Amino acid sequence: MSETQSVIFDKDLFTKNQAIKWLERNNLKHSKVDEKENTWRFRQLPVGDKKKHRFRTILVSPGVQFVLQFKK
């Protein structure tokens, strides 16, 4: 089973406020954000232990990616 660890938004397509509104519409958290040069990353869960979890990034829609966390 997977859980959404983070949601990543492309800054070329989303402002921070647009990203927050997208998260609100989809009932996702927006209190913790990491700003990078090209992206906004909103953490949904603490980062899992890499020995106990594996991760996969998927494209959800243009400019929006989910980082999924799976238990090994």
PDB file of N, CA and C in Angstrom:
ATOM      1  N   MET A   1       0.839  -1.181   0.000  1.00  0.00           N
ATOM      2  CA  MET A   1       0.000   0.000   0.000  1.00  0.00           C
ATOM      3  C   MET A   1       0.886   1.248   0.000  1.00  0.00           C
ATOM      4  N   SER A   2       0.460   2.271  -0.734  1.00  0.00           N
ATOM      5  CA  SER A   2       1.240   3.508  -0.802  1.00  0.00           C
ATOM      6  C   SER A   2       0.530   4.637  -0.062  1.00  0.00           C
ATOM      7  N   GLU A   3       1.347   5.616   0.313  1.00  0.00           N
ATOM      8  CA  GLU A   3       0.851   6.844   0.920  1.00  0.00           C
ATOM      9  C   GLU A   3       1.517   8.001   0.190  1.00  0.00           C
ATOM     10  N   THR A   4       0.840   9.127   0.091  1.00  0.00           N
ATOM     11  CA  THR A   4       1.443  10.299  -0.534  1.00  0.00           C
ATOM     12  C   THR A   4       2.330  10.988   0.489  1.00  0.00           C
ATOM     13  N   GLN A   5       3.633  10.994   0.202  1.00  0.00           N
ATOM     14  CA  GLN A   5       4.600  11.598   1.112  1.00  0.00           C
ATOM     15  C   GLN A   5       4.725  13.096   0.850  1.00  0.00           C
ATOM     16  N   SER A   6       4.720  13.486  -0.440  1.00  0.00           N
ATOM     17  CA  SER A   6       4.838  14.896  -0.820  1.00  0.00           C
ATOM     18  C   SER A   6       4.080  15.152  -2.112  1.00  0.00           C
ATOM     19  N   VAL A   7       3.718  16.422  -2.301  1.00  0.00           N
ATOM     20  CA  VAL A   7       3.156  16.872  -3.563  1.00  0.00           C
ATOM     21  C   VAL A   7       4.083  17.973  -4.078  1.00  0.00           C
ATOM     22  N   ILE A   8       4.517  17.839  -5.337  1.00  0.00           N
ATOM     23  CA  ILE A   8       5.478  18.768  -5.930  1.00  0.00           C
ATOM     24  C   ILE A   8       4.805  19.530  -7.073  1.00  0.00           C
ATOM     25  N   PHE A   9       4.953  20.845  -7.062  1.00  0.00           N
ATOM     26  CA  PHE A   9       4.388  21.706  -8.096  1.00  0.00           C
ATOM     27  C   PHE A   9       5.501  22.407  -8.870  1.00  0.00           C
ATOM     28  N   ASP A  10       5.355  22.458 -10.180  1.00  0.00           N
ATOM     29  CA  ASP A  10       6.279  23.157 -11.063  1.00  0.00           C
ATOM     30  C   ASP A  10       6.014  24.657 -10.954  1.00  0.00           C
ATOM     31  N   LYS A  11       7.042  25.432 -10.622  1.00  0.00           N
ATOM     32  CA  LYS A  11       6.879  26.878 -10.467  1.00  0.00           C
ATOM     33  C   LYS A  11       6.551  27.581 -11.782  1.00  0.00           C
ATOM     34  N   ASP A  12       6.870  26.956 -12.919  1.00  0.00           N
ATOM     35  CA  ASP A  12       6.515  27.564 -14.203  1.00  0.00           C
ATOM     36  C   ASP A  12       5.005  27.538 -14.437  1.00  0.00           C
ATOM     37  N   LEU A  13       4.305  26.632 -13.733  1.00  0.00           N
ATOM     38  CA  LEU A  13       2.866  26.470 -13.937  1.00  0.00           C
ATOM     39  C   LEU A  13       2.014  26.891 -12.735  1.00  0.00           C
ATOM     40  N   PHE A  14       2.627  26.983 -11.548  1.00  0.00           N
ATOM     41  CA  PHE A  14       1.879  27.294 -10.325  1.00  0.00           C
ATOM     42  C   PHE A  14       2.614  28.322  -9.482  1.00  0.00           C
ATOM     43  N   THR A  15       1.871  29.328  -9.018  1.00  0.00           N
ATOM     44  CA  THR A  15       2.394  30.181  -7.955  1.00  0.00           C
ATOM     45  C   THR A  15       2.202  29.402  -6.646  1.00  0.00           C
ATOM     46  N   LYS A  16       2.776  29.882  -5.588  1.00  0.00           N
ATOM     47  CA  LYS A  16       2.584  29.230  -4.291  1.00  0.00           C
ATOM     48  C   LYS A  16       1.104  29.237  -3.910  1.00  0.00           C
ATOM     49  N   ASN A  17       0.433  30.355  -4.111  1.00  0.00           N
ATOM     50  CA  ASN A  17      -0.998  30.441  -3.766  1.00  0.00           C
ATOM     51  C   ASN A  17      -1.846  29.515  -4.624  1.00  0.00           C
ATOM     52  N   GLN A  18      -1.534  29.380  -5.908  1.00  0.00           N
ATOM     53  CA  GLN A  18      -2.270  28.450  -6.771  1.00  0.00           C
ATOM     54  C   GLN A  18      -2.073  27.017  -6.304  1.00  0.00           C
ATOM     55  N   ALA A  19      -0.847  26.693  -5.900  1.00  0.00           N
ATOM     56  CA  ALA A  19      -0.559  25.347  -5.396  1.00  0.00           C
ATOM     57  C   ALA A  19      -1.353  25.068  -4.122  1.00  0.00           C
ATOM     58  N   ILE A  20      -1.401  26.041  -3.223  1.00  0.00           N
ATOM     59  CA  ILE A  20      -2.156  25.874  -1.979  1.00  0.00           C
ATOM     60  C   ILE A  20      -3.639  25.667  -2.273  1.00  0.00           C
ATOM     61  N   LYS A  21      -4.181  26.417  -3.202  1.00  0.00           N
ATOM     62  CA  LYS A  21      -5.598  26.243  -3.563  1.00  0.00           C
ATOM     63  C   LYS A  21      -5.846  24.854  -4.153  1.00  0.00           C
ATOM     64  N   TRP A  22      -4.925  24.352  -4.977  1.00  0.00           N
ATOM     65  CA  TRP A  22      -5.047  23.009  -5.552  1.00  0.00           C
ATOM     66  C   TRP A  22      -5.063  21.968  -4.428  1.00  0.00           C
ATOM     67  N   LEU A  23      -4.157  22.135  -3.463  1.00  0.00           N
ATOM     68  CA  LEU A  23      -4.105  21.208  -2.324  1.00  0.00           C
ATOM     69  C   LEU A  23      -5.396  21.262  -1.515  1.00  0.00           C
ATOM     70  N   GLU A  24      -5.904  22.450  -1.256  1.00  0.00           N
ATOM     71  CA  GLU A  24      -7.161  22.599  -0.496  1.00  0.00           C
ATOM     72  C   GLU A  24      -8.321  21.912  -1.212  1.00  0.00           C
ATOM     73  N   ARG A  25      -8.412  22.104  -2.535  1.00  0.00           N
ATOM     74  CA  ARG A  25      -9.490  21.469  -3.312  1.00  0.00           C
ATOM     75  C   ARG A  25      -9.409  19.943  -3.269  1.00  0.00           C
ATOM     76  N   ASN A  26      -8.195  19.436  -3.062  1.00  0.00           N
ATOM     77  CA  ASN A  26      -7.988  17.992  -3.048  1.00  0.00           C
ATOM     78  C   ASN A  26      -7.776  17.440  -1.636  1.00  0.00           C
ATOM     79  N   ASN A  27      -8.133  18.240  -0.631  1.00  0.00           N
ATOM     80  CA  ASN A  27      -8.058  17.826   0.781  1.00  0.00           C
ATOM     81  C   ASN A  27      -6.675  17.337   1.189  1.00  0.00           C
ATOM     82  N   LEU A  28      -5.647  18.078   0.771  1.00  0.00           N
ATOM     83  CA  LEU A  28      -4.263  17.750   1.120  1.00  0.00           C
ATOM     84  C   LEU A  28      -3.664  18.875   1.961  1.00  0.00           C
ATOM     85  N   LYS A  29      -2.620  18.555   2.692  1.00  0.00           N
ATOM     86  CA  LYS A  29      -1.982  19.509   3.603  1.00  0.00           C
ATOM     87  C   LYS A  29      -1.155  20.532   2.832  1.00  0.00           C
ATOM     88  N   HIS A  30      -1.054  21.729   3.418  1.00  0.00           N
ATOM     89  CA  HIS A  30      -0.233  22.762   2.790  1.00  0.00           C
ATOM     90  C   HIS A  30       0.540  23.593   3.813  1.00  0.00           C
ATOM     91  N   SER A  31       0.696  23.090   5.025  1.00  0.00           N
ATOM     92  CA  SER A  31       1.385  23.872   6.057  1.00  0.00           C
ATOM     93  C   SER A  31       2.907  23.800   5.956  1.00  0.00           C
ATOM     94  N   LYS A  32       3.441  22.695   5.440  1.00  0.00           N
ATOM     95  CA  LYS A  32       4.902  22.567   5.327  1.00  0.00           C
ATOM     96  C   LYS A  32       5.287  22.609   3.862  1.00  0.00           C
ATOM     97  N   VAL A  33       6.010  23.677   3.481  1.00  0.00           N
ATOM     98  CA  VAL A  33       6.424  23.818   2.087  1.00  0.00           C
ATOM     99  C   VAL A  33       7.937  24.017   2.020  1.00  0.00           C
ATOM    100  N   ASP A  34       8.554  23.350   1.059  1.00  0.00           N
ATOM    101  CA  ASP A  34       9.974  23.530   0.767  1.00  0.00           C
ATOM    102  C   ASP A  34      10.055  24.182  -0.608  1.00  0.00           C
ATOM    103  N   GLU A  35      10.722  25.328  -0.678  1.00  0.00           N
ATOM    104  CA  GLU A  35      10.872  26.011  -1.955  1.00  0.00           C
ATOM    105  C   GLU A  35      12.224  25.677  -2.556  1.00  0.00           C
ATOM    106  N   LYS A  36      12.198  25.212  -3.789  1.00  0.00           N
ATOM    107  CA  LYS A  36      13.413  24.946  -4.553  1.00  0.00           C
ATOM    108  C   LYS A  36      13.426  25.920  -5.728  1.00  0.00           C
ATOM    109  N   GLU A  37      14.468  25.872  -6.532  1.00  0.00           N
ATOM    110  CA  GLU A  37      14.584  26.803  -7.652  1.00  0.00           C
ATOM    111  C   GLU A  37      13.392  26.700  -8.613  1.00  0.00           C
ATOM    112  N   ASN A  38      12.961  25.480  -8.908  1.00  0.00           N
ATOM    113  CA  ASN A  38      11.911  25.275  -9.908  1.00  0.00           C
ATOM    114  C   ASN A  38      10.619  24.674  -9.375  1.00  0.00           C
ATOM    115  N   THR A  39      10.576  24.353  -8.078  1.00  0.00           N
ATOM    116  CA  THR A  39       9.406  23.651  -7.549  1.00  0.00           C
ATOM    117  C   THR A  39       9.016  24.132  -6.155  1.00  0.00           C
ATOM    118  N   TRP A  40       7.761  23.821  -5.821  1.00  0.00           N
ATOM    119  CA  TRP A  40       7.232  23.924  -4.455  1.00  0.00           C
ATOM    120  C   TRP A  40       6.974  22.487  -4.018  1.00  0.00           C
ATOM    121  N   ARG A  41       7.435  22.085  -2.843  1.00  0.00           N
ATOM    122  CA  ARG A  41       7.189  20.740  -2.323  1.00  0.00           C
ATOM    123  C   ARG A  41       6.423  20.869  -1.017  1.00  0.00           C
ATOM    124  N   PHE A  42       5.242  20.257  -0.990  1.00  0.00           N
ATOM    125  CA  PHE A  42       4.394  20.277   0.200  1.00  0.00           C
ATOM    126  C   PHE A  42       4.394  18.883   0.806  1.00  0.00           C
ATOM    127  N   ARG A  43       4.975  18.763   1.989  1.00  0.00           N
ATOM    128  CA  ARG A  43       5.068  17.460   2.656  1.00  0.00           C
ATOM    129  C   ARG A  43       3.721  17.073   3.259  1.00  0.00           C
ATOM    130  N   GLN A  44       3.344  15.846   3.011  1.00  0.00           N
ATOM    131  CA  GLN A  44       2.111  15.291   3.557  1.00  0.00           C
ATOM    132  C   GLN A  44       2.419  14.385   4.746  1.00  0.00           C
ATOM    133  N   LEU A  45       3.578  13.752   4.724  1.00  0.00           N
ATOM    134  CA  LEU A  45       4.035  12.840   5.784  1.00  0.00           C
ATOM    135  C   LEU A  45       5.507  13.098   6.043  1.00  0.00           C
ATOM    136  N   PRO A  46       5.991  12.763   7.232  1.00  0.00           N
ATOM    137  CA  PRO A  46       7.438  12.818   7.448  1.00  0.00           C
ATOM    138  C   PRO A  46       8.123  11.834   6.503  1.00  0.00           C
ATOM    139  N   VAL A  47       9.342  12.141   6.148  1.00  0.00           N
ATOM    140  CA  VAL A  47      10.092  11.246   5.275  1.00  0.00           C
ATOM    141  C   VAL A  47      10.299   9.917   5.991  1.00  0.00           C
ATOM    142  N   GLY A  48       9.958   8.833   5.306  1.00  0.00           N
ATOM    143  CA  GLY A  48      10.116   7.502   5.888  1.00  0.00           C
ATOM    144  C   GLY A  48      11.570   7.045   5.877  1.00  0.00           C
ATOM    145  N   ASP A  49      11.860   6.096   6.714  1.00  0.00           N
ATOM    146  CA  ASP A  49      13.177   5.481   6.784  1.00  0.00           C
ATOM    147  C   ASP A  49      13.433   4.733   5.473  1.00  0.00           C
ATOM    148  N   LYS A  50      14.534   5.071   4.788  1.00  0.00           N
ATOM    149  CA  LYS A  50      14.821   4.460   3.490  1.00  0.00           C
ATOM    150  C   LYS A  50      15.072   2.955   3.592  1.00  0.00           C
ATOM    151  N   LYS A  51      15.392   2.476   4.781  1.00  0.00           N
ATOM    152  CA  LYS A  51      15.568   1.030   4.964  1.00  0.00           C
ATOM    153  C   LYS A  51      14.220   0.325   5.052  1.00  0.00           C
ATOM    154  N   LYS A  52      13.180   1.058   5.446  1.00  0.00           N
ATOM    155  CA  LYS A  52      11.847   0.473   5.625  1.00  0.00           C
ATOM    156  C   LYS A  52      10.862   0.872   4.530  1.00  0.00           C
ATOM    157  N   HIS A  53      11.228   1.878   3.733  1.00  0.00           N
ATOM    158  CA  HIS A  53      10.322   2.387   2.706  1.00  0.00           C
ATOM    159  C   HIS A  53      11.041   2.524   1.369  1.00  0.00           C
ATOM    160  N   ARG A  54      10.256   2.496   0.321  1.00  0.00           N
ATOM    161  CA  ARG A  54      10.755   2.848  -1.007  1.00  0.00           C
ATOM    162  C   ARG A  54       9.851   3.961  -1.526  1.00  0.00           C
ATOM    163  N   PHE A  55      10.343   4.715  -2.495  1.00  0.00           N
ATOM    164  CA  PHE A  55       9.644   5.900  -2.968  1.00  0.00           C
ATOM    165  C   PHE A  55       9.523   5.873  -4.484  1.00  0.00           C
ATOM    166  N   ARG A  56       8.454   6.471  -4.981  1.00  0.00           N
ATOM    167  CA  ARG A  56       8.232   6.582  -6.414  1.00  0.00           C
ATOM    168  C   ARG A  56       7.535   7.903  -6.676  1.00  0.00           C
ATOM    169  N   THR A  57       7.973   8.613  -7.710  1.00  0.00           N
ATOM    170  CA  THR A  57       7.355   9.877  -8.096  1.00  0.00           C
ATOM    171  C   THR A  57       6.518   9.646  -9.345  1.00  0.00           C
ATOM    172  N   ILE A  58       5.262  10.117  -9.295  1.00  0.00           N
ATOM    173  CA  ILE A  58       4.374   9.969 -10.444  1.00  0.00           C
ATOM    174  C   ILE A  58       3.798  11.324 -10.843  1.00  0.00           C
ATOM    175  N   LEU A  59       3.546  11.498 -12.128  1.00  0.00           N
ATOM    176  CA  LEU A  59       2.905  12.706 -12.637  1.00  0.00           C
ATOM    177  C   LEU A  59       1.400  12.549 -12.459  1.00  0.00           C
ATOM    178  N   VAL A  60       0.787  13.495 -11.759  1.00  0.00           N
ATOM    179  CA  VAL A  60      -0.649  13.449 -11.483  1.00  0.00           C
ATOM    180  C   VAL A  60      -1.409  14.257 -12.534  1.00  0.00           C
ATOM    181  N   SER A  61      -0.899  15.422 -12.848  1.00  0.00           N
ATOM    182  CA  SER A  61      -1.452  16.283 -13.884  1.00  0.00           C
ATOM    183  C   SER A  61      -0.325  17.231 -14.287  1.00  0.00           C
ATOM    184  N   PRO A  62      -0.491  17.983 -15.372  1.00  0.00           N
ATOM    185  CA  PRO A  62       0.596  18.876 -15.780  1.00  0.00           C
ATOM    186  C   PRO A  62       1.053  19.775 -14.624  1.00  0.00           C
ATOM    187  N   GLY A  63       2.327  19.672 -14.293  1.00  0.00           N
ATOM    188  CA  GLY A  63       2.913  20.495 -13.237  1.00  0.00           C
ATOM    189  C   GLY A  63       2.726  19.985 -11.828  1.00  0.00           C
ATOM    190  N   VAL A  64       2.085  18.817 -11.654  1.00  0.00           N
ATOM    191  CA  VAL A  64       1.831  18.277 -10.310  1.00  0.00           C
ATOM    192  C   VAL A  64       2.337  16.834 -10.243  1.00  0.00           C
ATOM    193  N   GLN A  65       3.189  16.566  -9.256  1.00  0.00           N
ATOM    194  CA  GLN A  65       3.711  15.219  -9.040  1.00  0.00           C
ATOM    195  C   GLN A  65       3.452  14.789  -7.598  1.00  0.00           C
ATOM    196  N   PHE A  66       3.213  13.516  -7.413  1.00  0.00           N
ATOM    197  CA  PHE A  66       3.125  12.922  -6.073  1.00  0.00           C
ATOM    198  C   PHE A  66       4.371  12.094  -5.839  1.00  0.00           C
ATOM    199  N   VAL A  67       4.943  12.220  -4.649  1.00  0.00           N
ATOM    200  CA  VAL A  67       5.983  11.290  -4.206  1.00  0.00           C
ATOM    201  C   VAL A  67       5.261  10.278  -3.319  1.00  0.00           C
ATOM    202  N   LEU A  68       5.225   9.034  -3.784  1.00  0.00           N
ATOM    203  CA  LEU A  68       4.557   7.971  -3.049  1.00  0.00           C
ATOM    204  C   LEU A  68       5.560   7.224  -2.185  1.00  0.00           C
ATOM    205  N   GLN A  69       5.123   6.818  -1.018  1.00  0.00           N
ATOM    206  CA  GLN A  69       5.947   6.089  -0.046  1.00  0.00           C
ATOM    207  C   GLN A  69       5.323   4.700   0.137  1.00  0.00           C
ATOM    208  N   PHE A  70       6.123   3.663  -0.047  1.00  0.00           N
ATOM    209  CA  PHE A  70       5.678   2.272   0.092  1.00  0.00           C
ATOM    210  C   PHE A  70       6.491   1.607   1.186  1.00  0.00           C
ATOM    211  N   LYS A  71       5.833   0.800   2.014  1.00  0.00           N
ATOM    212  CA  LYS A  71       6.581  -0.015   2.967  1.00  0.00           C
ATOM    213  C   LYS A  71       7.196  -1.180   2.208  1.00  0.00           C
ATOM    214  N   LYS A  72       8.444  -1.508   2.558  1.00  0.00           N
ATOM    215  CA  LYS A  72       9.126  -2.637   1.917  1.00  0.00           C
ATOM    216  C   LYS A  72       8.605  -3.946   2.434  1.00  0.00           C
TER     217      LYS A  72
END
